[in-house]
C-alpha atoms as a PDB file:
ATOM      1  CA  MET A   1      -0.094   0.000  -0.048  1.00  0.00           C
ATOM      2  CA  PRO A   2       1.760   3.269  -1.204  1.00  0.00           C
ATOM      3  CA  LEU A   3       1.614   5.888   1.442  1.00  0.00           C
ATOM      4  CA  ALA A   4       1.322   9.599   1.264  1.00  0.00           C
ATOM      5  CA  ASP A   5       4.187  11.622   2.632  1.00  0.00           C
ATOM      6  CA  ARG A   6       1.891  13.828   4.689  1.00  0.00           C
ATOM      7  CA  ILE A   7      -1.553  13.788   6.278  1.00  0.00           C
ATOM      8  CA  PRO A   8      -4.050  15.057   3.642  1.00  0.00           C
ATOM      9  CA  THR A   9      -6.309  17.966   4.301  1.00  0.00           C
ATOM     10  CA  VAL A  10     -10.002  17.621   3.977  1.00  0.00           C
ATOM     11  CA  GLY A  11     -12.686  19.969   3.178  1.00  0.00           C
ATOM     12  CA  ILE A  12     -16.407  19.133   3.782  1.00  0.00           C
ATOM     13  CA  VAL A  13     -19.015  20.276   1.194  1.00  0.00           C
ATOM     14  CA  ILE A  14     -22.793  20.336   2.348  1.00  0.00           C
ATOM     15  CA  PRO A  15     -25.477  21.464  -0.398  1.00  0.00           C
ATOM     16  CA  ALA A  16     -28.561  22.801   1.131  1.00  0.00           C
ATOM     17  CA  TYR A  17     -32.132  23.715   0.370  1.00  0.00           C
ATOM     18  CA  ASN A  18     -34.822  24.665   2.766  1.00  0.00           C
ATOM     19  CA  GLU A  19     -32.923  22.553   5.837  1.00  0.00           C
ATOM     20  CA  GLU A  20     -33.947  24.721   8.591  1.00  0.00           C
ATOM     21  CA  ASP A  21     -34.875  21.531  10.737  1.00  0.00           C
ATOM     22  CA  THR A  22     -31.458  19.958  10.111  1.00  0.00           C
ATOM     23  CA  ILE A  23     -28.793  22.080   9.156  1.00  0.00           C
ATOM     24  CA  ARG A  24     -27.585  23.224  12.631  1.00  0.00           C
ATOM     25  CA  ALA A  25     -26.899  19.685  13.787  1.00  0.00           C
ATOM     26  CA  CYS A  26     -25.268  18.816  10.354  1.00  0.00           C
ATOM     27  CA  VAL A  27     -22.789  21.672  10.515  1.00  0.00           C
ATOM     28  CA  GLN A  28     -22.189  21.449  14.359  1.00  0.00           C
ATOM     29  CA  ALA A  29     -21.315  17.739  13.835  1.00  0.00           C
ATOM     30  CA  ALA A  30     -18.964  18.688  11.095  1.00  0.00           C
ATOM     31  CA  ILE A  31     -17.469  21.212  13.321  1.00  0.00           C
ATOM     32  CA  HIS A  32     -16.999  19.012  16.484  1.00  0.00           C
ATOM     33  CA  GLN A  33     -14.502  16.525  15.122  1.00  0.00           C
ATOM     34  CA  THR A  34     -11.713  14.724  16.957  1.00  0.00           C
ATOM     35  CA  VAL A  35      -9.510  16.129  13.885  1.00  0.00           C
ATOM     36  CA  PRO A  36     -10.822  19.147  12.513  1.00  0.00           C
ATOM     37  CA  ALA A  37     -11.606  19.561   8.998  1.00  0.00           C
ATOM     38  CA  GLU A  38      -9.583  22.241   7.283  1.00  0.00           C
ATOM     39  CA  GLU A  39     -12.845  23.925   5.499  1.00  0.00           C
ATOM     40  CA  ILE A  40     -16.561  23.260   6.008  1.00  0.00           C
ATOM     41  CA  ILE A  41     -18.371  24.649   3.056  1.00  0.00           C
ATOM     42  CA  VAL A  42     -22.105  24.958   3.003  1.00  0.00           C
ATOM     43  CA  VAL A  43     -23.738  25.983  -0.290  1.00  0.00           C
ATOM     44  CA  ASP A  44     -27.251  27.320  -0.122  1.00  0.00           C
ATOM     45  CA  ASN A  45     -29.395  26.810  -3.256  1.00  0.00           C
ATOM     46  CA  LYS A  46     -32.102  29.320  -3.044  1.00  0.00           C
ATOM     47  CA  SER A  47     -33.370  28.549   0.380  1.00  0.00           C
ATOM     48  CA  THR A  48     -36.704  30.409   1.366  1.00  0.00           C
ATOM     49  CA  ASP A  49     -36.973  29.088   5.136  1.00  0.00           C
ATOM     50  CA  GLN A  50     -34.595  29.996   7.841  1.00  0.00           C
ATOM     51  CA  THR A  51     -31.521  28.070   6.484  1.00  0.00           C
ATOM     52  CA  LYS A  52     -29.563  31.166   5.577  1.00  0.00           C
ATOM     53  CA  ALA A  53     -30.444  32.770   9.066  1.00  0.00           C
ATOM     54  CA  ILE A  54     -29.209  29.759  10.863  1.00  0.00           C
ATOM     55  CA  LEU A  55     -25.921  29.644   8.944  1.00  0.00           C
ATOM     56  CA  LYS A  56     -25.445  33.146   9.692  1.00  0.00           C
ATOM     57  CA  LYS A  57     -25.857  32.543  13.463  1.00  0.00           C
ATOM     58  CA  LEU A  58     -23.591  29.431  13.391  1.00  0.00           C
ATOM     59  CA  LYS A  59     -20.796  31.496  11.834  1.00  0.00           C
ATOM     60  CA  LYS A  60     -21.103  33.850  14.949  1.00  0.00           C
ATOM     61  CA  GLU A  61     -21.199  31.031  17.309  1.00  0.00           C
ATOM     62  CA  PHE A  62     -18.330  29.379  15.921  1.00  0.00           C
ATOM     63  CA  PRO A  63     -16.004  32.139  14.907  1.00  0.00           C
ATOM     64  CA  ASP A  64     -12.920  29.926  14.902  1.00  0.00           C
ATOM     65  CA  ALA A  65     -14.569  27.187  12.731  1.00  0.00           C
ATOM     66  CA  PRO A  66     -13.392  27.087   9.058  1.00  0.00           C
ATOM     67  CA  LEU A  67     -17.341  27.578   8.032  1.00  0.00           C
ATOM     68  CA  ILE A  68     -17.799  29.076   4.637  1.00  0.00           C
ATOM     69  CA  VAL A  69     -21.203  29.817   3.388  1.00  0.00           C
ATOM     70  CA  LEU A  70     -21.778  30.163  -0.258  1.00  0.00           C
ATOM     71  CA  ARG A  71     -24.932  31.060  -2.342  1.00  0.00           C
ATOM     72  CA  GLN A  72     -25.845  29.273  -5.336  1.00  0.00           C
ATOM     73  CA  ASP A  73     -28.680  31.099  -7.171  1.00  0.00           C
ATOM     74  CA  GLU A  74     -28.069  30.535 -10.831  1.00  0.00           C
ATOM     75  CA  ALA A  75     -30.085  26.986 -10.847  1.00  0.00           C
ATOM     76  CA  GLN A  76     -32.119  24.992  -8.633  1.00  0.00           C
ATOM     77  CA  GLY A  77     -30.684  21.340  -8.152  1.00  0.00           C
ATOM     78  CA  ILE A  78     -28.082  19.572  -6.077  1.00  0.00           C
ATOM     79  CA  THR A  79     -25.728  18.806  -9.069  1.00  0.00           C
ATOM     80  CA  PRO A  80     -24.773  22.589  -9.664  1.00  0.00           C
ATOM     81  CA  THR A  81     -24.909  23.162  -5.985  1.00  0.00           C
ATOM     82  CA  ARG A  82     -22.406  20.350  -5.179  1.00  0.00           C
ATOM     83  CA  ASN A  83     -20.514  21.529  -7.874  1.00  0.00           C
ATOM     84  CA  MET A  84     -19.827  24.786  -6.707  1.00  0.00           C
ATOM     85  CA  GLY A  85     -18.852  23.476  -3.322  1.00  0.00           C
ATOM     86  CA  PHE A  86     -16.410  20.949  -4.798  1.00  0.00           C
ATOM     87  CA  ASP A  87     -14.959  23.918  -6.981  1.00  0.00           C
ATOM     88  CA  ALA A  88     -14.370  25.995  -3.952  1.00  0.00           C
ATOM     89  CA  VAL A  89     -12.527  23.450  -1.845  1.00  0.00           C
ATOM     90  CA  THR A  90      -8.839  24.041  -1.692  1.00  0.00           C
ATOM     91  CA  SER A  91      -7.885  21.011   0.626  1.00  0.00           C
ATOM     92  CA  ASP A  92      -6.658  17.676  -0.753  1.00  0.00           C
ATOM     93  CA  ILE A  93      -9.922  15.830   0.005  1.00  0.00           C
ATOM     94  CA  ILE A  94     -13.319  16.884  -0.957  1.00  0.00           C
ATOM     95  CA  GLY A  95     -15.799  15.362   1.433  1.00  0.00           C
ATOM     96  CA  ARG A  96     -19.397  15.417   0.609  1.00  0.00           C
ATOM     97  CA  ILE A  97     -22.467  14.960   2.744  1.00  0.00           C
ATOM     98  CA  ASP A  98     -26.188  15.901   2.836  1.00  0.00           C
ATOM     99  CA  SER A  99     -27.511  18.681   4.699  1.00  0.00           C
ATOM    100  CA  ASP A 100     -29.571  16.129   7.003  1.00  0.00           C
ATOM    101  CA  SER A 101     -26.418  14.157   7.636  1.00  0.00           C
ATOM    102  CA  VAL A 102     -24.837  14.025  11.175  1.00  0.00           C
ATOM    103  CA  LEU A 103     -20.992  12.927  11.036  1.00  0.00           C
ATOM    104  CA  GLU A 104     -19.760  10.700  13.669  1.00  0.00           C
ATOM    105  CA  PRO A 105     -17.171  12.633  15.732  1.00  0.00           C
ATOM    106  CA  ASN A 106     -14.060  10.725  14.144  1.00  0.00           C
ATOM    107  CA  TRP A 107     -15.137  10.945  10.505  1.00  0.00           C
ATOM    108  CA  VAL A 108     -12.635  13.604   9.442  1.00  0.00           C
ATOM    109  CA  GLU A 109      -9.928  11.603  11.282  1.00  0.00           C
ATOM    110  CA  GLU A 110     -10.945   8.362   9.606  1.00  0.00           C
ATOM    111  CA  THR A 111     -11.294   9.862   6.160  1.00  0.00           C
ATOM    112  CA  LYS A 112      -7.735  11.292   6.468  1.00  0.00           C
ATOM    113  CA  LYS A 113      -6.584   7.740   7.295  1.00  0.00           C
ATOM    114  CA  VAL A 114      -8.326   6.240   4.263  1.00  0.00           C
ATOM    115  CA  PHE A 115      -6.596   8.790   1.850  1.00  0.00           C
ATOM    116  CA  LEU A 116      -3.132   8.066   3.279  1.00  0.00           C
ATOM    117  CA  ASN A 117      -3.149   5.255   0.820  1.00  0.00           C
ATOM    118  CA  THR A 118      -2.446   7.178  -2.524  1.00  0.00           C
ATOM    119  CA  ASP A 119      -4.216   4.201  -4.605  1.00  0.00           C
ATOM    120  CA  VAL A 120      -7.477   5.497  -3.132  1.00  0.00           C
ATOM    121  CA  HIS A 121      -8.865   8.268  -5.310  1.00  0.00           C
ATOM    122  CA  ALA A 122     -12.502   8.230  -3.706  1.00  0.00           C
ATOM    123  CA  ALA A 123     -14.239   6.395  -0.695  1.00  0.00           C
ATOM    124  CA  THR A 124     -17.737   5.883   0.696  1.00  0.00           C
ATOM    125  CA  GLY A 125     -18.777   4.678   4.123  1.00  0.00           C
ATOM    126  CA  PRO A 126     -21.803   3.175   6.103  1.00  0.00           C
ATOM    127  CA  VAL A 127     -24.521   5.174   7.719  1.00  0.00           C
ATOM    128  CA  ILE A 128     -26.409   5.092  11.126  1.00  0.00           C
ATOM    129  CA  TYR A 129     -30.353   5.862  10.621  1.00  0.00           C
ATOM    130  CA  TYR A 130     -30.484   8.427  13.491  1.00  0.00           C
ATOM    131  CA  ASP A 131     -34.359   8.918  13.153  1.00  0.00           C
ATOM    132  CA  LEU A 132     -34.962   5.066  13.546  1.00  0.00           C
ATOM    133  CA  PRO A 133     -35.166   2.739  16.725  1.00  0.00           C
ATOM    134  CA  LEU A 134     -32.589   0.100  16.660  1.00  0.00           C
ATOM    135  CA  ARG A 135     -29.924   2.395  15.341  1.00  0.00           C
ATOM    136  CA  ARG A 136     -26.916   0.286  16.020  1.00  0.00           C
ATOM    137  CA  TYR A 137     -28.373  -2.905  14.701  1.00  0.00           C
ATOM    138  CA  MET A 138     -29.670  -1.034  11.553  1.00  0.00           C
ATOM    139  CA  ALA A 139     -26.164   0.562  11.212  1.00  0.00           C
ATOM    140  CA  LYS A 140     -24.707  -3.174  11.291  1.00  0.00           C
ATOM    141  CA  ALA A 141     -27.357  -4.178   8.727  1.00  0.00           C
ATOM    142  CA  ASP A 142     -26.388  -1.270   6.729  1.00  0.00           C
ATOM    143  CA  ASP A 143     -22.480  -2.057   6.819  1.00  0.00           C
ATOM    144  CA  THR A 144     -23.140  -5.595   6.103  1.00  0.00           C
ATOM    145  CA  ALA A 145     -25.246  -4.776   3.244  1.00  0.00           C
ATOM    146  CA  ARG A 146     -22.705  -2.345   1.767  1.00  0.00           C
ATOM    147  CA  ARG A 147     -19.698  -4.851   2.319  1.00  0.00           C
ATOM    148  CA  ALA A 148     -21.607  -7.474   0.145  1.00  0.00           C
ATOM    149  CA  ILE A 149     -22.337  -5.106  -2.534  1.00  0.00           C
ATOM    150  CA  SER A 150     -18.818  -3.882  -2.635  1.00  0.00           C
ATOM    151  CA  ARG A 151     -17.711  -7.710  -2.978  1.00  0.00           C
ATOM    152  CA  LEU A 152     -20.226  -8.514  -5.531  1.00  0.00           C
ATOM    153  CA  VAL A 153     -20.056  -5.652  -7.770  1.00  0.00           C
ATOM    154  CA  LYS A 154     -16.545  -6.068  -9.104  1.00  0.00           C
ATOM    155  CA  GLN A 155     -16.379  -3.011 -11.450  1.00  0.00           C
ATOM    156  CA  TYR A 156     -18.468  -0.005 -10.460  1.00  0.00           C
ATOM    157  CA  HIS A 157     -18.112   0.883  -6.812  1.00  0.00           C
ATOM    158  CA  PHE A 158     -20.749   3.488  -6.167  1.00  0.00           C
ATOM    159  CA  LEU A 159     -20.329   6.821  -3.908  1.00  0.00           C
ATOM    160  CA  PHE A 160     -23.145   7.384  -1.471  1.00  0.00           C
ATOM    161  CA  GLY A 161     -23.848  11.086  -1.479  1.00  0.00           C
ATOM    162  CA  THR A 162     -24.737  11.159   2.161  1.00  0.00           C
ATOM    163  CA  ASN A 163     -21.215   9.919   3.019  1.00  0.00           C
ATOM    164  CA  MET A 164     -18.344  10.171   0.503  1.00  0.00           C
ATOM    165  CA  ALA A 165     -15.129  11.823  -0.176  1.00  0.00           C
ATOM    166  CA  LEU A 166     -12.759  12.185  -3.338  1.00  0.00           C
ATOM    167  CA  ARG A 167      -9.337  13.443  -4.093  1.00  0.00           C
ATOM    168  CA  ARG A 168      -9.605  17.094  -5.591  1.00  0.00           C
ATOM    169  CA  GLU A 169      -7.373  16.239  -8.544  1.00  0.00           C
ATOM    170  CA  ALA A 170      -9.946  13.252  -9.126  1.00  0.00           C
ATOM    171  CA  TRP A 171     -12.780  15.861  -9.199  1.00  0.00           C
ATOM    172  CA  GLU A 172     -11.039  18.140 -11.396  1.00  0.00           C
ATOM    173  CA  ALA A 173     -10.267  15.415 -13.694  1.00  0.00           C
ATOM    174  CA  VAL A 174     -14.057  14.506 -14.421  1.00  0.00           C
ATOM    175  CA  ARG A 175     -15.524  17.972 -13.522  1.00  0.00           C
ATOM    176  CA  GLU A 176     -16.268  18.739 -17.279  1.00  0.00           C
ATOM    177  CA  ASP A 177     -17.846  15.346 -18.119  1.00  0.00           C
ATOM    178  CA  ILE A 178     -20.447  15.397 -15.185  1.00  0.00           C
ATOM    179  CA  CYS A 179     -24.173  15.441 -16.101  1.00  0.00           C
ATOM    180  CA  LEU A 180     -25.237  18.724 -15.082  1.00  0.00           C
ATOM    181  CA  ASP A 181     -28.972  17.747 -14.907  1.00  0.00           C
ATOM    182  CA  ALA A 182     -28.108  14.554 -13.216  1.00  0.00           C
ATOM    183  CA  ASP A 183     -30.216  15.089 -10.151  1.00  0.00           C
ATOM    184  CA  ARG A 184     -33.363  15.705 -11.997  1.00  0.00           C
ATOM    185  CA  GLU A 185     -33.835  12.291 -13.458  1.00  0.00           C
ATOM    186  CA  MET A 186     -30.674  10.325 -12.217  1.00  0.00           C
ATOM    187  CA  PHE A 187     -28.784   9.809  -9.084  1.00  0.00           C
ATOM    188  CA  GLU A 188     -25.897  12.527  -9.237  1.00  0.00           C
ATOM    189  CA  ASP A 189     -23.554  10.582  -6.876  1.00  0.00           C
ATOM    190  CA  ILE A 190     -23.982   7.358  -9.130  1.00  0.00           C
ATOM    191  CA  ASP A 191     -23.286   9.596 -12.212  1.00  0.00           C
ATOM    192  CA  LEU A 192     -20.115  10.815 -10.548  1.00  0.00           C
ATOM    193  CA  SER A 193     -19.145   7.407  -9.778  1.00  0.00           C
ATOM    194  CA  VAL A 194     -19.469   6.075 -13.139  1.00  0.00           C
ATOM    195  CA  HIS A 195     -17.274   9.014 -14.522  1.00  0.00           C
ATOM    196  CA  LEU A 196     -14.610   8.363 -11.873  1.00  0.00           C
ATOM    197  CA  TYR A 197     -14.446   4.568 -12.662  1.00  0.00           C
ATOM    198  CA  ASP A 198     -14.498   5.245 -16.414  1.00  0.00           C
ATOM    199  CA  ASP A 199     -11.403   7.465 -16.029  1.00  0.00           C
ATOM    200  CA  GLY A 200      -9.512   4.848 -14.086  1.00  0.00           C
ATOM    201  CA  PHE A 201      -9.882   6.169 -10.556  1.00  0.00           C
ATOM    202  CA  ASN A 202     -10.198   3.758  -7.610  1.00  0.00           C
ATOM    203  CA  ILE A 203     -13.402   3.925  -5.303  1.00  0.00           C
ATOM    204  CA  VAL A 204     -13.192   2.056  -2.002  1.00  0.00           C
ATOM    205  CA  TYR A 205     -15.651   1.159   0.706  1.00  0.00           C
ATOM    206  CA  ALA A 206     -14.389   2.511   4.059  1.00  0.00           C
ATOM    207  CA  PRO A 207     -16.189   0.873   6.931  1.00  0.00           C
ATOM    208  CA  LEU A 208     -14.932   3.563   9.582  1.00  0.00           C
ATOM    209  CA  MET A 209     -16.084   6.418   7.607  1.00  0.00           C
ATOM    210  CA  VAL A 210     -19.518   6.779   9.378  1.00  0.00           C
ATOM    211  CA  ALA A 211     -22.299   9.170   9.073  1.00  0.00           C
ATOM    212  CA  GLY A 212     -25.677   9.650  10.272  1.00  0.00           C
ATOM    213  CA  MET A 213     -28.491  10.241   7.917  1.00  0.00           C
ATOM    214  CA  SER A 214     -32.267  10.491   7.990  1.00  0.00           C
ATOM    215  CA  THR A 215     -34.680   8.100   6.676  1.00  0.00           C
ATOM    216  CA  ARG A 216     -37.248  10.803   5.855  1.00  0.00           C
ATOM    217  CA  ARG A 217     -37.396   9.760   2.228  1.00  0.00           C
ATOM    218  CA  VAL A 218     -39.369   6.554   3.342  1.00  0.00           C
ATOM    219  CA  ASP A 219     -42.374   9.164   4.378  1.00  0.00           C
ATOM    220  CA  ASP A 220     -42.757   9.277   0.734  1.00  0.00           C
ATOM    221  CA  SER A 221     -45.694   7.339  -0.779  1.00  0.00           C
ATOM    222  CA  PRO A 222     -45.155   4.006  -2.283  1.00  0.00           C
ATOM    223  CA  ARG A 223     -45.623   5.483  -5.458  1.00  0.00           C
ATOM    224  CA  ASP A 224     -43.215   8.456  -5.020  1.00  0.00           C
ATOM    225  CA  PHE A 225     -40.698   6.113  -3.463  1.00  0.00           C
ATOM    226  CA  LEU A 226     -40.793   3.654  -6.404  1.00  0.00           C
ATOM    227  CA  SER A 227     -40.358   6.591  -8.856  1.00  0.00           C
ATOM    228  CA  TYR A 228     -37.200   7.747  -6.726  1.00  0.00           C
ATOM    229  CA  VAL A 229     -35.828   4.335  -6.960  1.00  0.00           C
ATOM    230  CA  LYS A 230     -36.260   4.168 -10.706  1.00  0.00           C
ATOM    231  CA  ARG A 231     -33.536   6.688 -10.956  1.00  0.00           C
ATOM    232  CA  PHE A 232     -31.157   3.822 -10.800  1.00  0.00           C
ATOM    233  CA  ASP A 233     -32.412   2.452 -13.943  1.00  0.00           C
ATOM    234  CA  THR A 234     -32.320   5.990 -15.652  1.00  0.00           C
ATOM    235  CA  THR A 235     -28.730   6.428 -14.574  1.00  0.00           C
ATOM    236  CA  TYR A 236     -27.558   3.163 -15.454  1.00  0.00           C
ATOM    237  CA  ASN A 237     -29.375   3.247 -18.904  1.00  0.00           C
ATOM    238  CA  HIS A 238     -27.839   6.702 -19.564  1.00  0.00           C
ATOM    239  CA  HIS A 239     -24.409   5.327 -19.012  1.00  0.00           C
ATOM    240  CA  GLY A 240     -25.123   2.120 -20.828  1.00  0.00           C
ATOM    241  CA  LEU A 241     -24.588  -0.086 -17.858  1.00  0.00           C
ATOM    242  CA  ARG A 242     -26.644  -3.548 -18.296  1.00  0.00           C
ATOM    243  CA  LYS A 243     -25.361  -5.833 -15.532  1.00  0.00           C
ATOM    244  CA  ARG A 244     -27.986  -7.038 -13.475  1.00  0.00           C
ATOM    245  CA  VAL A 245     -25.554  -7.199 -10.448  1.00  0.00           C
ATOM    246  CA  LEU A 246     -25.654  -3.413 -10.339  1.00  0.00           C
ATOM    247  CA  ARG A 247     -29.259  -3.642  -9.552  1.00  0.00           C
ATOM    248  CA  ILE A 248     -28.473  -4.955  -6.138  1.00  0.00           C
ATOM    249  CA  PRO A 249     -28.680  -1.323  -4.282  1.00  0.00           C
ATOM    250  CA  GLN A 250     -32.086  -0.885  -6.156  1.00  0.00           C
ATOM    251  CA  TRP A 251     -33.527  -4.202  -4.911  1.00  0.00           C
ATOM    252  CA  THR A 252     -32.110  -3.452  -1.319  1.00  0.00           C
ATOM    253  CA  TYR A 253     -33.799  -0.049  -1.258  1.00  0.00           C
ATOM    254  CA  LEU A 254     -37.293  -1.683  -2.436  1.00  0.00           C
ATOM    255  CA  GLY A 255     -36.758  -4.378   0.207  1.00  0.00           C
ATOM    256  CA  ILE A 256     -35.964  -1.900   3.188  1.00  0.00           C
ATOM    257  CA  TYR A 257     -38.671   0.404   2.231  1.00  0.00           C
ATOM    258  CA  PRO A 258     -41.605  -1.317   3.958  1.00  0.00           C
ATOM    259  CA  ILE A 259     -39.523  -2.195   7.008  1.00  0.00           C
ATOM    260  CA  ALA A 260     -38.137   1.413   7.552  1.00  0.00           C
ATOM    261  CA  LYS A 261     -41.490   2.864   6.996  1.00  0.00           C
ATOM    262  CA  SER A 262     -43.162   0.417   9.590  1.00  0.00           C
ATOM    263  CA  LEU A 263     -40.280   1.370  12.010  1.00  0.00           C
ATOM    264  CA  ARG A 264     -40.618   5.139  11.566  1.00  0.00           C
ATOM    265  CA  TRP A 265     -44.386   5.081  11.769  1.00  0.00           C
ATOM    266  CA  GLY A 266     -44.056   2.976  14.906  1.00  0.00           C
ATOM    267  CA  MET A 267     -41.789   5.461  16.365  1.00  0.00           C
ATOM    268  CA  LYS A 268     -43.855   8.474  15.526  1.00  0.00           C
ATOM    269  CA  LEU A 269     -46.896   6.867  17.126  1.00  0.00           C
ATOM    270  CA  ARG A 270     -44.930   6.271  20.170  1.00  0.00           C
ATOM    271  CA  GLU A 271     -43.849   9.742  20.334  1.00  0.00           C
ATOM    272  CA  SER A 272     -47.303  11.176  19.855  1.00  0.00           C
ATOM    273  CA  ILE A 273     -48.779   8.860  22.521  1.00  0.00           C
ATOM    274  CA  LYS A 274     -46.146  10.348  24.887  1.00  0.00           C
ATOM    275  CA  LEU A 275     -47.319  13.689  24.252  1.00  0.00           C
END
């Protein structure tokens, strides 16, 4: 394993749109790390709620934190918003999380360890579903599933937008090839993964890079959730990917949906009874 001659620097990018309920916890978790990130870049994409005000307050509360807030008003969508954040990073490694992600306290530390291996160009890790019961059990199941998928899918190892990182030079190499409207009908993180793989970059699964994520997606109706999951097909078809094994994440999502929805419904019911 070839090792870097120094510890890489890390910048975390957080695209945000109307995330007043989650952005504070997200940013605070990115700040309170065992090893600090060199940059924390939040890109606000035309938010109309209190997101902007909360970010302004966070900058005042944590004046020593490397918190940078950008505004992306040219286009609505996660792809142009993400791209602005990626382009703004000056660190060696670009971390990317969602605005409802809550990083484990050692995320930056573990990410830096992963990228000490110079053969690693991008990495993705497991998640903890923080708004479901049985969190640690679900996290173990998530890790097991991702390890299995990583072993089964020999070619394309996909990044998970909620919890991922890549070298800045890898981003710069594929920047002009990215599908700018990927988030409208495709998964922009899978689109990025395919471009990285096709350019010869190595994507790995890093089990100690752990982030919390919300399961609010399962609040969607079955019809809306199915439409969301069909983005796998749209993304694969766009890139001409035909192997059935690549459908494993899609089948996993569909299998988890009724379980997660039941757990989330039960938790909400118990909370309402307590009130």
